[in-house]
């Protein structure tokens, strides 16, 4: 069984470690099946997340093109995928340290600003609960300017 350890990060750390910070509005949930590599007979993993409309790009250090909509999987999807492989394909047990940001936003669906890691054309939350209200925009802009 995998072991997951959580570590708290500050807004300053979250801003500096995020490659993409965007103002968004929620559109709808999404689901996609992810096959288990080298185990075609294993049950596929169901990756879930939310679709957002991009309202404004605050930071884009990778310079990646960002379309009008993005699909953002739930923060723990990679760990859940690993555990799924462990269970269905006798994959190795792993230990993880997961960064967690303490936000007052009750769920990603309510988020107005997302802090993301961009990889090619996919996006993941930079930490668990890596989202904020639009009222934090000035503070976030100030932190971006300092970095």
C-alpha atoms as a PDB file:
ATOM      1  CA  UNK A   1       0.000   0.000   0.000  1.00  0.00           C
ATOM      2  CA  UNK A   2       1.279   3.460  -0.860  1.00  0.00           C
ATOM      3  CA  UNK A   3       2.133   5.922   1.893  1.00  0.00           C
ATOM      4  CA  UNK A   4       1.165   9.563   1.369  1.00  0.00           C
ATOM      5  CA  UNK A   5       2.616  12.347   3.546  1.00  0.00           C
ATOM      6  CA  UNK A   6       1.231  15.895   3.396  1.00  0.00           C
ATOM      7  CA  UNK A   7       3.272  19.074   3.763  1.00  0.00           C
ATOM      8  CA  UNK A   8       1.767  22.564   3.964  1.00  0.00           C
ATOM      9  CA  UNK A   9       3.012  25.305   1.609  1.00  0.00           C
ATOM     10  CA  UNK A  10       2.475  29.053   1.687  1.00  0.00           C
ATOM     11  CA  UNK A  11       0.900  31.264  -0.968  1.00  0.00           C
ATOM     12  CA  UNK A  12       4.374  32.637  -1.743  1.00  0.00           C
ATOM     13  CA  UNK A  13       5.707  29.119  -2.407  1.00  0.00           C
ATOM     14  CA  UNK A  14       2.622  28.205  -4.421  1.00  0.00           C
ATOM     15  CA  UNK A  15       3.000  31.266  -6.652  1.00  0.00           C
ATOM     16  CA  UNK A  16       6.727  30.701  -7.212  1.00  0.00           C
ATOM     17  CA  UNK A  17       6.330  26.965  -7.971  1.00  0.00           C
ATOM     18  CA  UNK A  18       3.342  27.319 -10.317  1.00  0.00           C
ATOM     19  CA  UNK A  19       4.139  27.540 -14.006  1.00  0.00           C
ATOM     20  CA  UNK A  20       0.611  28.673 -14.893  1.00  0.00           C
ATOM     21  CA  UNK A  21      -1.712  30.836 -12.796  1.00  0.00           C
ATOM     22  CA  UNK A  22      -5.098  31.631 -14.311  1.00  0.00           C
ATOM     23  CA  UNK A  23      -8.370  33.297 -13.437  1.00  0.00           C
ATOM     24  CA  UNK A  24     -11.170  30.915 -14.327  1.00  0.00           C
ATOM     25  CA  UNK A  25     -14.831  30.094 -14.156  1.00  0.00           C
ATOM     26  CA  UNK A  26     -16.159  26.551 -13.716  1.00  0.00           C
ATOM     27  CA  UNK A  27     -17.867  24.942 -16.722  1.00  0.00           C
ATOM     28  CA  UNK A  28     -18.461  21.221 -16.076  1.00  0.00           C
ATOM     29  CA  UNK A  29     -16.908  17.991 -14.780  1.00  0.00           C
ATOM     30  CA  UNK A  30     -14.974  15.621 -17.051  1.00  0.00           C
ATOM     31  CA  UNK A  31     -13.993  11.959 -17.009  1.00  0.00           C
ATOM     32  CA  UNK A  32     -11.605   9.973 -19.174  1.00  0.00           C
ATOM     33  CA  UNK A  33     -10.370   6.409 -19.080  1.00  0.00           C
ATOM     34  CA  UNK A  34      -6.610   5.928 -18.741  1.00  0.00           C
ATOM     35  CA  UNK A  35      -5.317   2.467 -19.730  1.00  0.00           C
ATOM     36  CA  UNK A  36      -2.682   0.755 -17.583  1.00  0.00           C
ATOM     37  CA  UNK A  37       0.552   0.646 -19.640  1.00  0.00           C
ATOM     38  CA  UNK A  38       1.760  -2.894 -20.370  1.00  0.00           C
ATOM     39  CA  UNK A  39      -1.388  -4.339 -18.751  1.00  0.00           C
ATOM     40  CA  UNK A  40      -4.095  -4.145 -21.389  1.00  0.00           C
ATOM     41  CA  UNK A  41      -6.241  -6.668 -19.502  1.00  0.00           C
ATOM     42  CA  UNK A  42      -6.272  -4.513 -16.336  1.00  0.00           C
ATOM     43  CA  UNK A  43      -9.279  -2.338 -15.655  1.00  0.00           C
ATOM     44  CA  UNK A  44      -8.620   1.225 -16.987  1.00  0.00           C
ATOM     45  CA  UNK A  45      -8.322   4.051 -14.470  1.00  0.00           C
ATOM     46  CA  UNK A  46     -11.106   6.667 -14.481  1.00  0.00           C
ATOM     47  CA  UNK A  47      -9.433  10.096 -14.383  1.00  0.00           C
ATOM     48  CA  UNK A  48     -11.834  12.794 -13.195  1.00  0.00           C
ATOM     49  CA  UNK A  49     -11.632  16.547 -12.950  1.00  0.00           C
ATOM     50  CA  UNK A  50     -13.204  19.827 -13.939  1.00  0.00           C
ATOM     51  CA  UNK A  51     -13.327  21.950 -17.079  1.00  0.00           C
ATOM     52  CA  UNK A  52     -12.745  25.680 -16.635  1.00  0.00           C
ATOM     53  CA  UNK A  53     -13.064  28.664 -18.934  1.00  0.00           C
ATOM     54  CA  UNK A  54      -9.961  30.866 -18.873  1.00  0.00           C
ATOM     55  CA  UNK A  55     -10.769  34.478 -18.031  1.00  0.00           C
ATOM     56  CA  UNK A  56      -7.227  35.813 -17.580  1.00  0.00           C
ATOM     57  CA  UNK A  57      -3.657  34.494 -17.479  1.00  0.00           C
ATOM     58  CA  UNK A  58      -1.701  35.887 -14.525  1.00  0.00           C
ATOM     59  CA  UNK A  59       1.486  33.835 -15.026  1.00  0.00           C
ATOM     60  CA  UNK A  60       2.711  31.532 -17.794  1.00  0.00           C
ATOM     61  CA  UNK A  61       6.429  30.811 -17.315  1.00  0.00           C
ATOM     62  CA  UNK A  62       6.449  28.022 -19.917  1.00  0.00           C
ATOM     63  CA  UNK A  63       4.939  30.304 -22.562  1.00  0.00           C
ATOM     64  CA  UNK A  64       2.591  27.494 -23.566  1.00  0.00           C
ATOM     65  CA  UNK A  65      -0.435  28.352 -25.648  1.00  0.00           C
ATOM     66  CA  UNK A  66      -3.498  28.283 -23.426  1.00  0.00           C
ATOM     67  CA  UNK A  67      -6.872  27.790 -25.062  1.00  0.00           C
ATOM     68  CA  UNK A  68     -10.175  29.222 -23.889  1.00  0.00           C
ATOM     69  CA  UNK A  69     -10.882  26.077 -21.812  1.00  0.00           C
ATOM     70  CA  UNK A  70      -8.696  23.767 -19.726  1.00  0.00           C
ATOM     71  CA  UNK A  71      -9.277  20.340 -18.199  1.00  0.00           C
ATOM     72  CA  UNK A  72      -7.866  20.140 -14.683  1.00  0.00           C
ATOM     73  CA  UNK A  73      -7.864  16.723 -13.016  1.00  0.00           C
ATOM     74  CA  UNK A  74      -8.479  16.408  -9.299  1.00  0.00           C
ATOM     75  CA  UNK A  75      -5.252  16.975  -7.330  1.00  0.00           C
ATOM     76  CA  UNK A  76      -4.754  13.407  -6.190  1.00  0.00           C
ATOM     77  CA  UNK A  77      -5.292  11.710  -9.570  1.00  0.00           C
ATOM     78  CA  UNK A  78      -1.652  10.610 -10.052  1.00  0.00           C
ATOM     79  CA  UNK A  79      -1.554   8.971  -6.629  1.00  0.00           C
ATOM     80  CA  UNK A  80      -4.940   7.348  -7.194  1.00  0.00           C
ATOM     81  CA  UNK A  81      -3.702   6.104 -10.602  1.00  0.00           C
ATOM     82  CA  UNK A  82      -0.618   4.613  -8.949  1.00  0.00           C
ATOM     83  CA  UNK A  83      -2.758   2.858  -6.338  1.00  0.00           C
ATOM     84  CA  UNK A  84      -5.074   1.629  -9.103  1.00  0.00           C
ATOM     85  CA  UNK A  85      -2.055   0.113 -10.908  1.00  0.00           C
ATOM     86  CA  UNK A  86      -0.890  -1.381  -7.603  1.00  0.00           C
ATOM     87  CA  UNK A  87      -4.235  -3.094  -7.120  1.00  0.00           C
ATOM     88  CA  UNK A  88      -5.118  -4.098 -10.704  1.00  0.00           C
ATOM     89  CA  UNK A  89      -1.694  -4.742 -12.240  1.00  0.00           C
ATOM     90  CA  UNK A  90       0.503  -5.674  -9.262  1.00  0.00           C
ATOM     91  CA  UNK A  91       2.383  -2.414  -9.616  1.00  0.00           C
ATOM     92  CA  UNK A  92       4.973  -1.315  -7.050  1.00  0.00           C
ATOM     93  CA  UNK A  93       3.959   0.330  -3.803  1.00  0.00           C
ATOM     94  CA  UNK A  94       5.234   3.892  -3.601  1.00  0.00           C
ATOM     95  CA  UNK A  95       5.535   6.635  -1.013  1.00  0.00           C
ATOM     96  CA  UNK A  96       4.663  10.245  -1.806  1.00  0.00           C
ATOM     97  CA  UNK A  97       5.032  13.636  -0.238  1.00  0.00           C
ATOM     98  CA  UNK A  98       2.072  15.741  -1.304  1.00  0.00           C
ATOM     99  CA  UNK A  99       2.119  19.519  -1.092  1.00  0.00           C
ATOM    100  CA  UNK A 100      -1.033  21.047   0.341  1.00  0.00           C
ATOM    101  CA  UNK A 101      -2.136  24.682   0.221  1.00  0.00           C
ATOM    102  CA  UNK A 102      -4.547  25.894   2.904  1.00  0.00           C
ATOM    103  CA  UNK A 103      -7.292  27.826   1.107  1.00  0.00           C
ATOM    104  CA  UNK A 104     -10.670  29.134   2.224  1.00  0.00           C
ATOM    105  CA  UNK A 105     -12.243  28.093  -1.094  1.00  0.00           C
ATOM    106  CA  UNK A 106     -14.465  25.092  -0.245  1.00  0.00           C
ATOM    107  CA  UNK A 107     -13.864  23.129  -3.480  1.00  0.00           C
ATOM    108  CA  UNK A 108     -12.092  23.388  -6.829  1.00  0.00           C
ATOM    109  CA  UNK A 109     -15.493  23.926  -8.468  1.00  0.00           C
ATOM    110  CA  UNK A 110     -15.760  27.259  -6.586  1.00  0.00           C
ATOM    111  CA  UNK A 111     -12.226  28.376  -7.497  1.00  0.00           C
ATOM    112  CA  UNK A 112     -11.667  31.678  -9.287  1.00  0.00           C
ATOM    113  CA  UNK A 113      -7.874  31.402  -9.526  1.00  0.00           C
ATOM    114  CA  UNK A 114      -5.982  28.153 -10.211  1.00  0.00           C
ATOM    115  CA  UNK A 115      -2.284  27.455  -9.582  1.00  0.00           C
ATOM    116  CA  UNK A 116      -1.085  24.862 -12.071  1.00  0.00           C
ATOM    117  CA  UNK A 117       1.868  22.915 -13.388  1.00  0.00           C
ATOM    118  CA  UNK A 118       1.810  22.792 -17.152  1.00  0.00           C
ATOM    119  CA  UNK A 119       3.262  19.810 -18.968  1.00  0.00           C
ATOM    120  CA  UNK A 120       2.953  20.029 -22.752  1.00  0.00           C
ATOM    121  CA  UNK A 121      -0.779  20.643 -23.101  1.00  0.00           C
ATOM    122  CA  UNK A 122      -1.929  19.098 -19.814  1.00  0.00           C
ATOM    123  CA  UNK A 123      -2.399  20.854 -16.502  1.00  0.00           C
ATOM    124  CA  UNK A 124      -2.279  19.625 -12.919  1.00  0.00           C
ATOM    125  CA  UNK A 125      -2.843  21.525  -9.696  1.00  0.00           C
ATOM    126  CA  UNK A 126       0.519  22.652  -8.301  1.00  0.00           C
ATOM    127  CA  UNK A 127      -0.571  21.339  -4.873  1.00  0.00           C
ATOM    128  CA  UNK A 128      -3.678  19.928  -3.277  1.00  0.00           C
ATOM    129  CA  UNK A 129      -6.227  22.735  -2.945  1.00  0.00           C
ATOM    130  CA  UNK A 130      -4.106  25.011  -5.180  1.00  0.00           C
ATOM    131  CA  UNK A 131      -6.873  27.505  -5.821  1.00  0.00           C
ATOM    132  CA  UNK A 132      -8.084  30.837  -4.486  1.00  0.00           C
ATOM    133  CA  UNK A 133     -10.787  33.481  -4.646  1.00  0.00           C
ATOM    134  CA  UNK A 134     -10.458  36.422  -7.071  1.00  0.00           C
ATOM    135  CA  UNK A 135     -10.183  38.716  -4.032  1.00  0.00           C
ATOM    136  CA  UNK A 136      -6.606  37.419  -3.659  1.00  0.00           C
ATOM    137  CA  UNK A 137      -5.602  38.629  -7.152  1.00  0.00           C
ATOM    138  CA  UNK A 138      -3.732  41.755  -5.985  1.00  0.00           C
ATOM    139  CA  UNK A 139      -1.678  39.784  -3.469  1.00  0.00           C
ATOM    140  CA  UNK A 140      -0.954  37.120  -6.107  1.00  0.00           C
ATOM    141  CA  UNK A 141       0.020  39.766  -8.693  1.00  0.00           C
ATOM    142  CA  UNK A 142       2.413  41.306  -6.146  1.00  0.00           C
ATOM    143  CA  UNK A 143       4.026  37.911  -5.471  1.00  0.00           C
ATOM    144  CA  UNK A 144       4.373  37.239  -9.221  1.00  0.00           C
ATOM    145  CA  UNK A 145       6.059  40.609  -9.682  1.00  0.00           C
ATOM    146  CA  UNK A 146       8.583  39.758  -6.926  1.00  0.00           C
ATOM    147  CA  UNK A 147       9.483  36.365  -8.376  1.00  0.00           C
END
